[in-house]
Amino acid sequence: MVVASDVVPVRGSEYSVLLRRIREADLLDRQLRYYGWKSAMTAGAFVAGWAAFFVIGDSWWQLGVGVFLAAVFSQIAFLGHDAGHKQIFASRRANYLYGVIAGNLGIGLSIGWWTSNHNRHHAHPNTEGADPDVMGILAHSSDRAREGRGIRRLIFRYQAWLFFPMLLLEGGSLHYASVRAVFRWPIPNRVWEGALLAAHGVGYLSAVFLVLSPGKALAFIAVQQGLFGLYMGCTFAPNHKGMEVLPEGDNTDFLRRQVLTSRNVRGGFLVDTALGGLNYQIEHHLFPSMPRANLRRAQPMVAQFCAEIGVPYCETSLVESYVQALSHLNDVGRQTSTTPQPVE
């Protein structure tokens, strides 16, 4: 398996020049103080949310708690993402332990599955046949849209309209993928990961069904998990959708492969927090192990370097990023009504 952070471009490449500038600015140094207060605040919100859940009891007001916990679960997922990229600690083991506590135990997502799947995306972003994120339920290229058959073809055709409704199922999909990986994937520490996933599932379901009546319990799960999936999907959508899709076997150099397929989202503290730092997608893809707190400082350096070497650097507002992503999905979906032209 190719791990994104292990990809080392050839010496003397343009990327190595940029990497040297980044290192000289100390932007790859760990930020333990940042992650300390970030983790403490997120853990505090997690505890507060469940405390409110038990205090409120069997009431429809619990749907409001479900909305709050959906946001908290997403923030925990962002921290698990950072641990998976070894952004928090210098030690691989320490990052893994943080990841299984936050991911497997905290929100029911396998850090082993996520790391394996996500590193494939980082190594080959928006590359057909290599990036799992463009081989899922949506079509990102005209060729794939035209190859769709049956229900898949119908989804491709209306994927721009179905995008947000389908995200309500993303939470369940992530849990299913995590459990399946524990049984079928060659992930390390399979028993440990499975035990923590089971502990989360038993704890979550026990709390919900012991406190709430069956109807309210199901409504709470639907709201909390549905909005968790919607939130996660909405943070990923601006990053690559609508950007260049590379053909299978593409050999574009590392720097261009990461920059041309990624999009940044402008914004201040609120956007940085809401998107978990993923709004600096270009910088994150170029330097996956860079701590989240340093991405904002790296952004102008990367933008300037791309201008120097003539590589397009895409940065938009949050609204415009969704417009571009959905427009692309709609344009691709329309290709289901066409047939490939024969090659003469």
C-alpha atoms as a PDB file:
ATOM      1  CA  MET A   1       0.000   0.000   0.000  1.00  0.00           C
ATOM      2  CA  VAL A   2       1.297   3.479  -0.873  1.00  0.00           C
ATOM      3  CA  VAL A   3       1.030   5.910   2.019  1.00  0.00           C
ATOM      4  CA  ALA A   4       0.736   9.556   1.031  1.00  0.00           C
ATOM      5  CA  SER A   5       3.131  10.819   3.683  1.00  0.00           C
ATOM      6  CA  ASP A   6       5.717   8.258   2.498  1.00  0.00           C
ATOM      7  CA  VAL A   7       5.721   9.504  -1.108  1.00  0.00           C
ATOM      8  CA  VAL A   8       9.094  11.195  -1.586  1.00  0.00           C
ATOM      9  CA  PRO A   9       9.501  13.172  -4.835  1.00  0.00           C
ATOM     10  CA  VAL A  10      12.840  12.979  -6.612  1.00  0.00           C
ATOM     11  CA  ARG A  11      15.645  15.184  -5.367  1.00  0.00           C
ATOM     12  CA  GLY A  12      15.859  18.464  -7.194  1.00  0.00           C
ATOM     13  CA  SER A  13      12.179  18.507  -8.068  1.00  0.00           C
ATOM     14  CA  GLU A  14      10.009  21.603  -7.741  1.00  0.00           C
ATOM     15  CA  TYR A  15       8.324  20.011  -4.768  1.00  0.00           C
ATOM     16  CA  SER A  16      11.629  19.648  -2.944  1.00  0.00           C
ATOM     17  CA  VAL A  17      12.172  23.416  -3.301  1.00  0.00           C
ATOM     18  CA  LEU A  18       8.784  24.118  -1.732  1.00  0.00           C
ATOM     19  CA  LEU A  19       9.375  21.507   0.973  1.00  0.00           C
ATOM     20  CA  ARG A  20      12.638  23.167   1.925  1.00  0.00           C
ATOM     21  CA  ARG A  21      10.883  26.534   2.317  1.00  0.00           C
ATOM     22  CA  ILE A  22       8.191  24.947   4.475  1.00  0.00           C
ATOM     23  CA  ARG A  23      10.748  23.253   6.710  1.00  0.00           C
ATOM     24  CA  GLU A  24      12.782  26.430   7.083  1.00  0.00           C
ATOM     25  CA  ALA A  25       9.603  28.139   8.317  1.00  0.00           C
ATOM     26  CA  ASP A  26       9.176  25.360  10.935  1.00  0.00           C
ATOM     27  CA  LEU A  27       5.692  24.572   9.619  1.00  0.00           C
ATOM     28  CA  LEU A  28       6.124  20.800   9.986  1.00  0.00           C
ATOM     29  CA  ASP A  29       6.882  21.078  13.716  1.00  0.00           C
ATOM     30  CA  ARG A  30       4.365  19.456  16.109  1.00  0.00           C
ATOM     31  CA  GLN A  31       1.803  21.740  17.780  1.00  0.00           C
ATOM     32  CA  LEU A  32       1.047  19.897  21.026  1.00  0.00           C
ATOM     33  CA  ARG A  33      -0.325  22.974  22.792  1.00  0.00           C
ATOM     34  CA  TYR A  34      -2.836  23.558  19.979  1.00  0.00           C
ATOM     35  CA  TYR A  35      -3.976  19.952  19.971  1.00  0.00           C
ATOM     36  CA  GLY A  36      -4.071  19.943  23.763  1.00  0.00           C
ATOM     37  CA  TRP A  37      -6.655  22.703  24.062  1.00  0.00           C
ATOM     38  CA  LYS A  38      -8.474  21.551  20.922  1.00  0.00           C
ATOM     39  CA  SER A  39      -8.829  18.035  22.308  1.00  0.00           C
ATOM     40  CA  ALA A  40      -9.885  19.319  25.740  1.00  0.00           C
ATOM     41  CA  MET A  41     -12.604  21.564  24.305  1.00  0.00           C
ATOM     42  CA  THR A  42     -13.920  18.824  22.015  1.00  0.00           C
ATOM     43  CA  ALA A  43     -13.925  16.252  24.822  1.00  0.00           C
ATOM     44  CA  GLY A  44     -15.700  18.767  27.046  1.00  0.00           C
ATOM     45  CA  ALA A  45     -18.393  19.294  24.411  1.00  0.00           C
ATOM     46  CA  PHE A  46     -18.756  15.512  24.047  1.00  0.00           C
ATOM     47  CA  VAL A  47     -19.245  15.036  27.795  1.00  0.00           C
ATOM     48  CA  ALA A  48     -21.582  18.038  28.012  1.00  0.00           C
ATOM     49  CA  GLY A  49     -23.721  16.706  25.184  1.00  0.00           C
ATOM     50  CA  TRP A  50     -24.195  13.296  26.790  1.00  0.00           C
ATOM     51  CA  ALA A  51     -24.720  14.876  30.221  1.00  0.00           C
ATOM     52  CA  ALA A  52     -27.530  16.980  28.748  1.00  0.00           C
ATOM     53  CA  PHE A  53     -28.924  13.827  27.154  1.00  0.00           C
ATOM     54  CA  PHE A  54     -29.250  12.060  30.512  1.00  0.00           C
ATOM     55  CA  VAL A  55     -30.565  15.165  32.309  1.00  0.00           C
ATOM     56  CA  ILE A  56     -33.293  15.900  29.729  1.00  0.00           C
ATOM     57  CA  GLY A  57     -34.514  12.309  29.723  1.00  0.00           C
ATOM     58  CA  ASP A  58     -37.382  10.918  27.665  1.00  0.00           C
ATOM     59  CA  SER A  59     -38.296  14.053  25.727  1.00  0.00           C
ATOM     60  CA  TRP A  60     -38.517  15.220  22.133  1.00  0.00           C
ATOM     61  CA  TRP A  61     -36.092  17.986  23.136  1.00  0.00           C
ATOM     62  CA  GLN A  62     -33.467  15.280  22.728  1.00  0.00           C
ATOM     63  CA  LEU A  63     -33.545  15.927  18.989  1.00  0.00           C
ATOM     64  CA  GLY A  64     -31.767  19.202  19.741  1.00  0.00           C
ATOM     65  CA  VAL A  65     -29.128  17.245  21.649  1.00  0.00           C
ATOM     66  CA  GLY A  66     -28.838  14.997  18.609  1.00  0.00           C
ATOM     67  CA  VAL A  67     -28.055  18.014  16.428  1.00  0.00           C
ATOM     68  CA  PHE A  68     -25.386  19.154  18.888  1.00  0.00           C
ATOM     69  CA  LEU A  69     -23.789  15.707  19.141  1.00  0.00           C
ATOM     70  CA  ALA A  70     -23.728  15.391  15.355  1.00  0.00           C
ATOM     71  CA  ALA A  71     -21.486  18.462  15.248  1.00  0.00           C
ATOM     72  CA  VAL A  72     -19.345  17.173  18.121  1.00  0.00           C
ATOM     73  CA  PHE A  73     -18.905  13.766  16.455  1.00  0.00           C
ATOM     74  CA  SER A  74     -17.674  15.568  13.347  1.00  0.00           C
ATOM     75  CA  GLN A  75     -15.153  17.587  15.334  1.00  0.00           C
ATOM     76  CA  ILE A  76     -13.882  14.360  16.903  1.00  0.00           C
ATOM     77  CA  ALA A  77     -13.619  12.882  13.411  1.00  0.00           C
ATOM     78  CA  PHE A  78     -11.414  15.814  12.371  1.00  0.00           C
ATOM     79  CA  LEU A  79      -9.083  15.089  15.291  1.00  0.00           C
ATOM     80  CA  GLY A  80      -9.014  11.415  14.318  1.00  0.00           C
ATOM     81  CA  HIS A  81      -8.170  12.507  10.780  1.00  0.00           C
ATOM     82  CA  ASP A  82      -5.235  14.545  12.079  1.00  0.00           C
ATOM     83  CA  ALA A  83      -3.997  11.639  14.202  1.00  0.00           C
ATOM     84  CA  GLY A  84      -4.255   9.331  11.198  1.00  0.00           C
ATOM     85  CA  HIS A  85      -1.923  11.672   9.307  1.00  0.00           C
ATOM     86  CA  LYS A  86       0.492  11.773  12.278  1.00  0.00           C
ATOM     87  CA  GLN A  87      -0.087  15.501  12.700  1.00  0.00           C
ATOM     88  CA  ILE A  88      -0.441  15.443  16.486  1.00  0.00           C
ATOM     89  CA  PHE A  89       2.479  13.448  17.903  1.00  0.00           C
ATOM     90  CA  ALA A  90       5.909  12.572  16.547  1.00  0.00           C
ATOM     91  CA  SER A  91       5.320   8.933  17.503  1.00  0.00           C
ATOM     92  CA  ARG A  92       3.287   6.734  15.151  1.00  0.00           C
ATOM     93  CA  ARG A  93       2.079   4.683  18.132  1.00  0.00           C
ATOM     94  CA  ALA A  94       0.874   7.748  20.045  1.00  0.00           C
ATOM     95  CA  ASN A  95      -1.078   8.985  17.014  1.00  0.00           C
ATOM     96  CA  TYR A  96      -2.628   5.539  16.575  1.00  0.00           C
ATOM     97  CA  LEU A  97      -3.711   5.340  20.219  1.00  0.00           C
ATOM     98  CA  TYR A  98      -5.250   8.797  19.959  1.00  0.00           C
ATOM     99  CA  GLY A  99      -7.004   7.707  16.766  1.00  0.00           C
ATOM    100  CA  VAL A 100      -8.568   4.541  18.171  1.00  0.00           C
ATOM    101  CA  ILE A 101      -9.807   6.366  21.269  1.00  0.00           C
ATOM    102  CA  ALA A 102     -11.291   9.239  19.264  1.00  0.00           C
ATOM    103  CA  GLY A 103     -12.438   7.177  16.292  1.00  0.00           C
ATOM    104  CA  ASN A 104     -13.259   3.622  17.327  1.00  0.00           C
ATOM    105  CA  LEU A 105     -14.375   4.300  20.895  1.00  0.00           C
ATOM    106  CA  GLY A 106     -15.601   7.888  20.630  1.00  0.00           C
ATOM    107  CA  ILE A 107     -17.633   7.900  17.412  1.00  0.00           C
ATOM    108  CA  GLY A 108     -17.579   4.300  16.144  1.00  0.00           C
ATOM    109  CA  LEU A 109     -15.272   4.675  13.130  1.00  0.00           C
ATOM    110  CA  SER A 110     -12.262   2.404  12.620  1.00  0.00           C
ATOM    111  CA  ILE A 111      -9.017   4.380  12.463  1.00  0.00           C
ATOM    112  CA  GLY A 112      -7.312   1.400  10.790  1.00  0.00           C
ATOM    113  CA  TRP A 113      -9.885   1.287   8.000  1.00  0.00           C
ATOM    114  CA  TRP A 114      -9.963   5.040   7.584  1.00  0.00           C
ATOM    115  CA  THR A 115      -6.174   5.422   7.428  1.00  0.00           C
ATOM    116  CA  SER A 116      -5.815   2.690   4.809  1.00  0.00           C
ATOM    117  CA  ASN A 117      -8.646   4.015   2.660  1.00  0.00           C
ATOM    118  CA  HIS A 118      -7.749   7.689   3.034  1.00  0.00           C
ATOM    119  CA  ASN A 119      -4.056   7.232   2.262  1.00  0.00           C
ATOM    120  CA  ARG A 120      -5.004   5.691  -1.089  1.00  0.00           C
ATOM    121  CA  HIS A 121      -6.913   8.889  -1.804  1.00  0.00           C
ATOM    122  CA  HIS A 122      -3.952  11.058  -0.827  1.00  0.00           C
ATOM    123  CA  ALA A 123      -1.520   9.117  -2.980  1.00  0.00           C
ATOM    124  CA  HIS A 124      -3.739   9.388  -6.081  1.00  0.00           C
ATOM    125  CA  PRO A 125      -6.368  12.130  -5.600  1.00  0.00           C
ATOM    126  CA  ASN A 126      -9.142  12.269  -8.211  1.00  0.00           C
ATOM    127  CA  THR A 127      -7.471   9.465 -10.166  1.00  0.00           C
ATOM    128  CA  GLU A 128      -9.801   6.898 -11.671  1.00  0.00           C
ATOM    129  CA  GLY A 129      -9.013   3.345 -10.703  1.00  0.00           C
ATOM    130  CA  ALA A 130      -6.803   4.465  -7.799  1.00  0.00           C
ATOM    131  CA  ASP A 131      -8.691   6.971  -5.631  1.00  0.00           C
ATOM    132  CA  PRO A 132     -11.526   5.263  -3.687  1.00  0.00           C
ATOM    133  CA  ASP A 133     -13.283   8.628  -3.332  1.00  0.00           C
ATOM    134  CA  VAL A 134     -13.991   8.786  -7.084  1.00  0.00           C
ATOM    135  CA  MET A 135     -14.981   5.120  -7.378  1.00  0.00           C
ATOM    136  CA  GLY A 136     -17.978   5.278  -5.078  1.00  0.00           C
ATOM    137  CA  ILE A 137     -21.648   5.975  -5.635  1.00  0.00           C
ATOM    138  CA  LEU A 138     -21.074   9.163  -7.673  1.00  0.00           C
ATOM    139  CA  ALA A 139     -19.587   9.625 -11.137  1.00  0.00           C
ATOM    140  CA  HIS A 140     -16.836  12.211 -11.435  1.00  0.00           C
ATOM    141  CA  SER A 141     -16.001  11.725 -15.108  1.00  0.00           C
ATOM    142  CA  SER A 142     -18.044  11.477 -18.288  1.00  0.00           C
ATOM    143  CA  ASP A 143     -16.666   8.035 -19.112  1.00  0.00           C
ATOM    144  CA  ARG A 144     -17.796   6.607 -15.781  1.00  0.00           C
ATOM    145  CA  ALA A 145     -21.208   8.246 -16.093  1.00  0.00           C
ATOM    146  CA  ARG A 146     -21.768   6.639 -19.493  1.00  0.00           C
ATOM    147  CA  GLU A 147     -20.738   3.228 -18.147  1.00  0.00           C
ATOM    148  CA  GLY A 148     -23.431   3.283 -15.444  1.00  0.00           C
ATOM    149  CA  ARG A 149     -26.197   0.698 -15.688  1.00  0.00           C
ATOM    150  CA  GLY A 150     -29.501   0.172 -13.885  1.00  0.00           C
ATOM    151  CA  ILE A 151     -29.963   1.978 -10.591  1.00  0.00           C
ATOM    152  CA  ARG A 152     -26.384   3.250 -10.703  1.00  0.00           C
ATOM    153  CA  ARG A 153     -27.088   4.977 -14.018  1.00  0.00           C
ATOM    154  CA  LEU A 154     -30.178   6.609 -12.517  1.00  0.00           C
ATOM    155  CA  ILE A 155     -28.156   7.867  -9.547  1.00  0.00           C
ATOM    156  CA  PHE A 156     -25.469   9.215 -11.861  1.00  0.00           C
ATOM    157  CA  ARG A 157     -28.077  11.059 -13.914  1.00  0.00           C
ATOM    158  CA  TYR A 158     -29.522  12.924 -10.938  1.00  0.00           C
ATOM    159  CA  GLN A 159     -26.479  12.903  -8.657  1.00  0.00           C
ATOM    160  CA  ALA A 160     -26.340  16.674  -8.233  1.00  0.00           C
ATOM    161  CA  TRP A 161     -29.919  16.666  -6.896  1.00  0.00           C
ATOM    162  CA  LEU A 162     -29.399  13.526  -4.805  1.00  0.00           C
ATOM    163  CA  PHE A 163     -26.081  14.630  -3.335  1.00  0.00           C
ATOM    164  CA  PHE A 164     -27.260  16.229  -0.080  1.00  0.00           C
ATOM    165  CA  PRO A 165     -30.090  13.718   0.595  1.00  0.00           C
ATOM    166  CA  MET A 166     -27.635  10.829   0.131  1.00  0.00           C
ATOM    167  CA  LEU A 167     -25.268  12.398   2.652  1.00  0.00           C
ATOM    168  CA  LEU A 168     -27.868  11.738   5.343  1.00  0.00           C
ATOM    169  CA  LEU A 169     -26.921   8.060   4.921  1.00  0.00           C
ATOM    170  CA  GLU A 170     -23.175   8.695   5.090  1.00  0.00           C
ATOM    171  CA  GLY A 171     -22.941   8.153   8.843  1.00  0.00           C
ATOM    172  CA  GLY A 172     -24.397   4.667   8.535  1.00  0.00           C
ATOM    173  CA  SER A 173     -22.132   3.963   5.577  1.00  0.00           C
ATOM    174  CA  LEU A 174     -19.035   4.913   7.586  1.00  0.00           C
ATOM    175  CA  HIS A 175     -20.042   2.655  10.481  1.00  0.00           C
ATOM    176  CA  TYR A 176     -20.741  -0.227   8.100  1.00  0.00           C
ATOM    177  CA  ALA A 177     -17.399   0.203   6.344  1.00  0.00           C
ATOM    178  CA  SER A 178     -15.604   0.222   9.686  1.00  0.00           C
ATOM    179  CA  VAL A 179     -17.211  -3.009  10.878  1.00  0.00           C
ATOM    180  CA  ARG A 180     -16.689  -4.707   7.521  1.00  0.00           C
ATOM    181  CA  ALA A 181     -13.013  -3.719   7.526  1.00  0.00           C
ATOM    182  CA  VAL A 182     -12.486  -5.288  10.957  1.00  0.00           C
ATOM    183  CA  PHE A 183     -13.751  -8.601   9.600  1.00  0.00           C
ATOM    184  CA  ARG A 184     -12.374  -8.512   6.057  1.00  0.00           C
ATOM    185  CA  TRP A 185      -9.482  -6.052   5.704  1.00  0.00           C
ATOM    186  CA  PRO A 186      -5.896  -6.815   6.755  1.00  0.00           C
ATOM    187  CA  ILE A 187      -5.872  -3.884   9.169  1.00  0.00           C
ATOM    188  CA  PRO A 188      -3.446  -4.003  12.119  1.00  0.00           C
ATOM    189  CA  ASN A 189      -4.733  -4.629  15.656  1.00  0.00           C
ATOM    190  CA  ARG A 190      -7.961  -6.101  14.325  1.00  0.00           C
ATOM    191  CA  VAL A 191      -9.149  -7.471  17.694  1.00  0.00           C
ATOM    192  CA  TRP A 192      -8.361  -4.229  19.529  1.00  0.00           C
ATOM    193  CA  GLU A 193     -10.176  -2.156  16.924  1.00  0.00           C
ATOM    194  CA  GLY A 194     -13.152  -4.497  16.874  1.00  0.00           C
ATOM    195  CA  ALA A 195     -13.458  -4.456  20.658  1.00  0.00           C
ATOM    196  CA  LEU A 196     -13.487  -0.656  20.787  1.00  0.00           C
ATOM    197  CA  LEU A 197     -16.042  -0.451  17.961  1.00  0.00           C
ATOM    198  CA  ALA A 198     -18.240  -2.912  19.859  1.00  0.00           C
ATOM    199  CA  ALA A 199     -17.830  -0.906  23.074  1.00  0.00           C
ATOM    200  CA  HIS A 200     -18.952   2.233  21.278  1.00  0.00           C
ATOM    201  CA  GLY A 201     -21.943   0.515  19.684  1.00  0.00           C
ATOM    202  CA  VAL A 202     -23.108  -1.095  22.932  1.00  0.00           C
ATOM    203  CA  GLY A 203     -22.630   2.104  24.914  1.00  0.00           C
ATOM    204  CA  TYR A 204     -24.353   4.322  22.353  1.00  0.00           C
ATOM    205  CA  LEU A 205     -27.369   2.084  21.794  1.00  0.00           C
ATOM    206  CA  SER A 206     -27.747   1.244  25.490  1.00  0.00           C
ATOM    207  CA  ALA A 207     -27.793   4.907  26.452  1.00  0.00           C
ATOM    208  CA  VAL A 208     -30.288   5.834  23.762  1.00  0.00           C
ATOM    209  CA  PHE A 209     -32.754   2.992  24.336  1.00  0.00           C
ATOM    210  CA  LEU A 210     -32.505   3.068  28.146  1.00  0.00           C
ATOM    211  CA  VAL A 211     -33.266   6.784  28.341  1.00  0.00           C
ATOM    212  CA  LEU A 212     -35.715   7.200  25.451  1.00  0.00           C
ATOM    213  CA  SER A 213     -38.859   5.382  24.416  1.00  0.00           C
ATOM    214  CA  PRO A 214     -38.397   3.299  21.222  1.00  0.00           C
ATOM    215  CA  GLY A 215     -39.939   5.907  18.927  1.00  0.00           C
ATOM    216  CA  LYS A 216     -37.904   8.771  20.355  1.00  0.00           C
ATOM    217  CA  ALA A 217     -34.778   6.612  20.364  1.00  0.00           C
ATOM    218  CA  LEU A 218     -35.082   5.858  16.663  1.00  0.00           C
ATOM    219  CA  ALA A 219     -35.788   9.523  15.912  1.00  0.00           C
ATOM    220  CA  PHE A 220     -32.729  10.569  17.933  1.00  0.00           C
ATOM    221  CA  ILE A 221     -30.477   8.101  16.092  1.00  0.00           C
ATOM    222  CA  ALA A 222     -31.841   9.229  12.728  1.00  0.00           C
ATOM    223  CA  VAL A 223     -31.204  12.900  13.511  1.00  0.00           C
ATOM    224  CA  GLN A 224     -27.828  12.462  15.191  1.00  0.00           C
ATOM    225  CA  GLN A 225     -26.355   9.998  12.706  1.00  0.00           C
ATOM    226  CA  GLY A 226     -28.012  11.593   9.677  1.00  0.00           C
ATOM    227  CA  LEU A 227     -26.671  15.049  10.462  1.00  0.00           C
ATOM    228  CA  PHE A 228     -23.273  13.604  11.375  1.00  0.00           C
ATOM    229  CA  GLY A 229     -23.039  12.102   7.886  1.00  0.00           C
ATOM    230  CA  LEU A 230     -24.366  15.288   6.285  1.00  0.00           C
ATOM    231  CA  TYR A 231     -21.805  17.400   8.133  1.00  0.00           C
ATOM    232  CA  MET A 232     -18.934  15.116   7.187  1.00  0.00           C
ATOM    233  CA  GLY A 233     -19.989  14.997   3.548  1.00  0.00           C
ATOM    234  CA  CYS A 234     -20.355  18.767   3.389  1.00  0.00           C
ATOM    235  CA  THR A 235     -16.779  19.223   4.639  1.00  0.00           C
ATOM    236  CA  PHE A 236     -15.418  16.864   1.967  1.00  0.00           C
ATOM    237  CA  ALA A 237     -17.478  18.163  -0.973  1.00  0.00           C
ATOM    238  CA  PRO A 238     -15.582  21.433  -1.557  1.00  0.00           C
ATOM    239  CA  ASN A 239     -12.180  19.748  -1.580  1.00  0.00           C
ATOM    240  CA  HIS A 240     -11.989  17.868  -4.903  1.00  0.00           C
ATOM    241  CA  LYS A 241     -15.363  17.703  -6.619  1.00  0.00           C
ATOM    242  CA  GLY A 242     -15.267  19.742  -9.803  1.00  0.00           C
ATOM    243  CA  MET A 243     -11.485  19.731  -9.936  1.00  0.00           C
ATOM    244  CA  GLU A 244      -9.411  17.906 -12.538  1.00  0.00           C
ATOM    245  CA  VAL A 245     -10.037  14.153 -12.757  1.00  0.00           C
ATOM    246  CA  LEU A 246      -6.960  12.192 -13.793  1.00  0.00           C
ATOM    247  CA  PRO A 247      -7.153   9.038 -15.914  1.00  0.00           C
ATOM    248  CA  GLU A 248      -6.082   5.655 -14.607  1.00  0.00           C
ATOM    249  CA  GLY A 249      -2.311   5.254 -14.763  1.00  0.00           C
ATOM    250  CA  ASP A 250      -1.676   8.999 -14.864  1.00  0.00           C
ATOM    251  CA  ASN A 251       1.961   9.921 -14.154  1.00  0.00           C
ATOM    252  CA  THR A 252       1.598  13.633 -13.358  1.00  0.00           C
ATOM    253  CA  ASP A 253       4.322  14.728 -10.913  1.00  0.00           C
ATOM    254  CA  PHE A 254       3.517  14.793  -7.187  1.00  0.00           C
ATOM    255  CA  LEU A 255       3.125  18.560  -6.778  1.00  0.00           C
ATOM    256  CA  ARG A 256       0.832  19.065  -9.770  1.00  0.00           C
ATOM    257  CA  ARG A 257      -1.174  15.950  -8.957  1.00  0.00           C
ATOM    258  CA  GLN A 258      -1.996  17.343  -5.524  1.00  0.00           C
ATOM    259  CA  VAL A 259      -2.569  20.983  -6.508  1.00  0.00           C
ATOM    260  CA  LEU A 260      -4.557  20.525  -9.714  1.00  0.00           C
ATOM    261  CA  THR A 261      -7.032  18.111  -8.110  1.00  0.00           C
ATOM    262  CA  SER A 262      -7.631  20.159  -4.938  1.00  0.00           C
ATOM    263  CA  ARG A 263      -9.545  23.316  -4.061  1.00  0.00           C
ATOM    264  CA  ASN A 264      -9.091  25.666  -1.101  1.00  0.00           C
ATOM    265  CA  VAL A 265     -11.931  27.480   0.629  1.00  0.00           C
ATOM    266  CA  ARG A 266     -11.386  31.012   1.888  1.00  0.00           C
ATOM    267  CA  GLY A 267     -12.535  32.002   5.351  1.00  0.00           C
ATOM    268  CA  GLY A 268     -11.504  32.959   8.841  1.00  0.00           C
ATOM    269  CA  PHE A 269     -11.661  31.222  12.197  1.00  0.00           C
ATOM    270  CA  LEU A 270     -15.257  30.014  11.777  1.00  0.00           C
ATOM    271  CA  VAL A 271     -14.617  28.363   8.405  1.00  0.00           C
ATOM    272  CA  ASP A 272     -11.368  26.839   9.680  1.00  0.00           C
ATOM    273  CA  THR A 273     -13.207  25.388  12.668  1.00  0.00           C
ATOM    274  CA  ALA A 274     -16.301  24.244  10.797  1.00  0.00           C
ATOM    275  CA  LEU A 275     -14.271  22.459   8.115  1.00  0.00           C
ATOM    276  CA  GLY A 276     -11.635  21.112  10.470  1.00  0.00           C
ATOM    277  CA  GLY A 277      -8.811  22.764   8.540  1.00  0.00           C
ATOM    278  CA  LEU A 278      -9.752  20.834   5.405  1.00  0.00           C
ATOM    279  CA  ASN A 279     -10.445  24.152   3.707  1.00  0.00           C
ATOM    280  CA  TYR A 280      -6.651  24.290   3.218  1.00  0.00           C
ATOM    281  CA  GLN A 281      -6.908  21.203   1.061  1.00  0.00           C
ATOM    282  CA  ILE A 282      -4.003  22.031  -1.238  1.00  0.00           C
ATOM    283  CA  GLU A 283      -1.565  22.542   1.631  1.00  0.00           C
ATOM    284  CA  HIS A 284      -2.908  19.463   3.409  1.00  0.00           C
ATOM    285  CA  HIS A 285      -2.374  17.288   0.339  1.00  0.00           C
ATOM    286  CA  LEU A 286       1.122  18.596  -0.261  1.00  0.00           C
ATOM    287  CA  PHE A 287       2.088  18.126   3.396  1.00  0.00           C
ATOM    288  CA  PRO A 288      -0.256  15.555   5.007  1.00  0.00           C
ATOM    289  CA  SER A 289       1.635  15.467   8.311  1.00  0.00           C
ATOM    290  CA  MET A 290       1.579  19.259   8.745  1.00  0.00           C
ATOM    291  CA  PRO A 291      -0.330  20.140  11.959  1.00  0.00           C
ATOM    292  CA  ARG A 292      -3.674  21.761  11.272  1.00  0.00           C
ATOM    293  CA  ALA A 293      -2.676  24.955  13.069  1.00  0.00           C
ATOM    294  CA  ASN A 294       0.135  25.567  10.555  1.00  0.00           C
ATOM    295  CA  LEU A 295      -1.910  25.205   7.370  1.00  0.00           C
ATOM    296  CA  ARG A 296      -3.075  28.829   7.407  1.00  0.00           C
ATOM    297  CA  ARG A 297       0.538  30.028   7.643  1.00  0.00           C
ATOM    298  CA  ALA A 298       1.626  27.716   4.824  1.00  0.00           C
ATOM    299  CA  GLN A 299      -1.146  28.824   2.445  1.00  0.00           C
ATOM    300  CA  PRO A 300       0.397  32.085   1.145  1.00  0.00           C
ATOM    301  CA  MET A 301       3.766  30.377   0.702  1.00  0.00           C
ATOM    302  CA  VAL A 302       2.244  27.593  -1.392  1.00  0.00           C
ATOM    303  CA  ALA A 303       0.112  30.006  -3.439  1.00  0.00           C
ATOM    304  CA  GLN A 304       3.164  32.146  -4.178  1.00  0.00           C
ATOM    305  CA  PHE A 305       5.249  29.134  -5.187  1.00  0.00           C
ATOM    306  CA  CYS A 306       2.524  27.863  -7.527  1.00  0.00           C
ATOM    307  CA  ALA A 307       2.443  31.311  -9.156  1.00  0.00           C
ATOM    308  CA  GLU A 308       6.229  31.185  -9.591  1.00  0.00           C
ATOM    309  CA  ILE A 309       6.140  27.865 -11.457  1.00  0.00           C
ATOM    310  CA  GLY A 310       2.900  28.549 -13.355  1.00  0.00           C
ATOM    311  CA  VAL A 311       0.663  25.952 -11.652  1.00  0.00           C
ATOM    312  CA  PRO A 312      -3.013  27.005 -11.264  1.00  0.00           C
ATOM    313  CA  TYR A 313      -4.006  27.393  -7.620  1.00  0.00           C
ATOM    314  CA  CYS A 314      -7.757  27.204  -6.940  1.00  0.00           C
ATOM    315  CA  GLU A 315      -9.251  29.076  -3.992  1.00  0.00           C
ATOM    316  CA  THR A 316     -12.917  30.088  -3.682  1.00  0.00           C
ATOM    317  CA  SER A 317     -15.535  31.060  -1.135  1.00  0.00           C
ATOM    318  CA  LEU A 318     -17.485  28.307   0.618  1.00  0.00           C
ATOM    319  CA  VAL A 319     -20.640  28.995  -1.386  1.00  0.00           C
ATOM    320  CA  GLU A 320     -18.766  29.086  -4.684  1.00  0.00           C
ATOM    321  CA  SER A 321     -17.060  25.782  -3.854  1.00  0.00           C
ATOM    322  CA  TYR A 322     -20.464  24.086  -3.581  1.00  0.00           C
ATOM    323  CA  VAL A 323     -21.644  25.765  -6.780  1.00  0.00           C
ATOM    324  CA  GLN A 324     -18.613  24.430  -8.642  1.00  0.00           C
ATOM    325  CA  ALA A 325     -18.924  20.950  -7.131  1.00  0.00           C
ATOM    326  CA  LEU A 326     -22.646  20.575  -7.831  1.00  0.00           C
ATOM    327  CA  SER A 327     -22.345  22.066 -11.323  1.00  0.00           C
ATOM    328  CA  HIS A 328     -19.667  19.516 -12.126  1.00  0.00           C
ATOM    329  CA  LEU A 329     -21.764  16.628 -10.794  1.00  0.00           C
ATOM    330  CA  ASN A 330     -24.720  17.861 -12.839  1.00  0.00           C
ATOM    331  CA  ASP A 331     -22.667  18.200 -16.029  1.00  0.00           C
ATOM    332  CA  VAL A 332     -21.218  14.716 -15.583  1.00  0.00           C
ATOM    333  CA  GLY A 333     -24.648  13.279 -14.794  1.00  0.00           C
ATOM    334  CA  ARG A 334     -26.008  14.557 -18.087  1.00  0.00           C
ATOM    335  CA  GLN A 335     -23.496  12.357 -19.897  1.00  0.00           C
ATOM    336  CA  THR A 336     -25.552   9.286 -19.000  1.00  0.00           C
ATOM    337  CA  SER A 337     -27.861  10.214 -21.873  1.00  0.00           C
ATOM    338  CA  THR A 338     -25.030  10.159 -24.409  1.00  0.00           C
ATOM    339  CA  THR A 339     -23.067   7.319 -25.917  1.00  0.00           C
ATOM    340  CA  PRO A 340     -19.328   7.272 -26.566  1.00  0.00           C
ATOM    341  CA  GLN A 341     -18.327   8.197 -30.101  1.00  0.00           C
ATOM    342  CA  PRO A 342     -16.510   5.458 -32.041  1.00  0.00           C
ATOM    343  CA  VAL A 343     -12.804   6.009 -32.556  1.00  0.00           C
ATOM    344  CA  GLU A 344     -11.919   6.233 -36.237  1.00  0.00           C
END
